[in-house]
C-alpha atoms as a PDB file:
ATOM      1  CA  UNK A   1      -0.398   0.557   0.178  1.00  0.00           C
ATOM      2  CA  UNK A   2       1.065   3.470  -0.190  1.00  0.00           C
ATOM      3  CA  UNK A   3       1.379   6.537   1.971  1.00  0.00           C
ATOM      4  CA  UNK A   4      -1.998   7.657   1.216  1.00  0.00           C
ATOM      5  CA  UNK A   5      -3.374   4.736   1.580  1.00  0.00           C
ATOM      6  CA  UNK A   6      -2.516   3.598   3.923  1.00  0.00           C
ATOM      7  CA  UNK A   7      -3.567   6.825   6.389  1.00  0.00           C
ATOM      8  CA  UNK A   8      -7.005   6.516   4.613  1.00  0.00           C
ATOM      9  CA  UNK A   9      -7.169   2.937   6.186  1.00  0.00           C
ATOM     10  CA  UNK A  10      -6.670   3.718   8.992  1.00  0.00           C
ATOM     11  CA  UNK A  11      -8.587   7.012   9.099  1.00  0.00           C
ATOM     12  CA  UNK A  12     -11.852   4.885   8.073  1.00  0.00           C
ATOM     13  CA  UNK A  13     -10.292   1.980  10.460  1.00  0.00           C
ATOM     14  CA  UNK A  14     -11.006   4.707  13.454  1.00  0.00           C
ATOM     15  CA  UNK A  15     -13.802   6.405  12.675  1.00  0.00           C
ATOM     16  CA  UNK A  16     -15.373   2.909  12.140  1.00  0.00           C
ATOM     17  CA  UNK A  17     -14.499   2.110  15.287  1.00  0.00           C
ATOM     18  CA  UNK A  18     -15.424   5.450  17.145  1.00  0.00           C
ATOM     19  CA  UNK A  19     -19.149   5.291  15.053  1.00  0.00           C
ATOM     20  CA  UNK A  20     -19.401   1.720  16.490  1.00  0.00           C
ATOM     21  CA  UNK A  21     -18.588   2.825  20.408  1.00  0.00           C
ATOM     22  CA  UNK A  22     -21.059   5.974  20.258  1.00  0.00           C
ATOM     23  CA  UNK A  23     -23.438   3.984  18.818  1.00  0.00           C
ATOM     24  CA  UNK A  24     -23.489   0.550  21.294  1.00  0.00           C
ATOM     25  CA  UNK A  25     -22.983   3.440  24.709  1.00  0.00           C
ATOM     26  CA  UNK A  26     -26.400   4.334  23.802  1.00  0.00           C
ATOM     27  CA  UNK A  27     -28.279   1.395  23.902  1.00  0.00           C
ATOM     28  CA  UNK A  28     -28.811   0.809  27.075  1.00  0.00           C
ATOM     29  CA  UNK A  29     -30.556   4.012  27.521  1.00  0.00           C
ATOM     30  CA  UNK A  30     -34.333   4.053  27.500  1.00  0.00           C
ATOM     31  CA  UNK A  31     -37.609   3.776  29.565  1.00  0.00           C
ATOM     32  CA  UNK A  32     -36.542   0.459  29.813  1.00  0.00           C
ATOM     33  CA  UNK A  33     -33.370   0.259  31.988  1.00  0.00           C
ATOM     34  CA  UNK A  34     -34.349   3.615  33.354  1.00  0.00           C
ATOM     35  CA  UNK A  35     -37.028   1.916  35.257  1.00  0.00           C
ATOM     36  CA  UNK A  36     -35.045  -1.243  36.208  1.00  0.00           C
ATOM     37  CA  UNK A  37     -32.858   1.396  38.037  1.00  0.00           C
ATOM     38  CA  UNK A  38     -34.508   4.212  39.456  1.00  0.00           C
ATOM     39  CA  UNK A  39     -34.879   2.583  42.969  1.00  0.00           C
ATOM     40  CA  UNK A  40     -31.131   1.616  43.557  1.00  0.00           C
ATOM     41  CA  UNK A  41     -30.409   5.375  42.309  1.00  0.00           C
ATOM     42  CA  UNK A  42     -32.234   6.545  45.025  1.00  0.00           C
ATOM     43  CA  UNK A  43     -31.149   3.459  47.318  1.00  0.00           C
ATOM     44  CA  UNK A  44     -27.189   4.913  46.612  1.00  0.00           C
ATOM     45  CA  UNK A  45     -28.766   8.741  46.568  1.00  0.00           C
ATOM     46  CA  UNK A  46     -29.865   8.279  50.080  1.00  0.00           C
ATOM     47  CA  UNK A  47     -27.000   6.585  51.104  1.00  0.00           C
ATOM     48  CA  UNK A  48     -24.608   8.797  50.840  1.00  0.00           C
ATOM     49  CA  UNK A  49     -27.090  11.326  52.150  1.00  0.00           C
ATOM     50  CA  UNK A  50     -26.870   9.704  55.261  1.00  0.00           C
ATOM     51  CA  UNK A  51     -23.315   9.064  55.339  1.00  0.00           C
ATOM     52  CA  UNK A  52     -22.300  12.640  54.468  1.00  0.00           C
ATOM     53  CA  UNK A  53     -24.746  13.438  57.163  1.00  0.00           C
ATOM     54  CA  UNK A  54     -22.674  10.996  60.205  1.00  0.00           C
ATOM     55  CA  UNK A  55     -19.241  12.660  58.368  1.00  0.00           C
ATOM     56  CA  UNK A  56     -20.573  16.046  59.384  1.00  0.00           C
ATOM     57  CA  UNK A  57     -21.661  15.474  62.693  1.00  0.00           C
ATOM     58  CA  UNK A  58     -17.985  13.813  63.016  1.00  0.00           C
ATOM     59  CA  UNK A  59     -16.552  17.285  61.834  1.00  0.00           C
ATOM     60  CA  UNK A  60     -18.668  19.717  64.340  1.00  0.00           C
ATOM     61  CA  UNK A  61     -17.915  17.501  67.146  1.00  0.00           C
ATOM     62  CA  UNK A  62     -14.091  17.681  66.252  1.00  0.00           C
ATOM     63  CA  UNK A  63     -14.879  21.428  65.504  1.00  0.00           C
ATOM     64  CA  UNK A  64     -14.255  20.947  62.118  1.00  0.00           C
ATOM     65  CA  UNK A  65     -16.602  23.207  59.168  1.00  0.00           C
ATOM     66  CA  UNK A  66     -18.818  20.397  57.780  1.00  0.00           C
ATOM     67  CA  UNK A  67     -19.403  20.690  54.300  1.00  0.00           C
ATOM     68  CA  UNK A  68     -22.436  19.089  52.574  1.00  0.00           C
ATOM     69  CA  UNK A  69     -22.774  18.214  49.022  1.00  0.00           C
ATOM     70  CA  UNK A  70     -26.212  18.183  47.148  1.00  0.00           C
ATOM     71  CA  UNK A  71     -26.418  15.222  44.430  1.00  0.00           C
ATOM     72  CA  UNK A  72     -29.262  17.147  41.707  1.00  0.00           C
ATOM     73  CA  UNK A  73     -31.852  15.268  40.132  1.00  0.00           C
ATOM     74  CA  UNK A  74     -30.608  13.187  36.913  1.00  0.00           C
END
């Protein structure tokens, strides 16, 4: 192969790989997958909020500054 053909071949191979990755990444999104994962997300947010509150109570006990990070909706 000549240099130009080899460059074109690499370019199209990389372009095809990137296209496949982008298309496969979107395959798991949708109402069905969101319905199944919604409860898990809520449980994780609640658990991390509880952990954060406990950590800040310990910080207050040792006269350290509390820090609260708010998780927004998805």
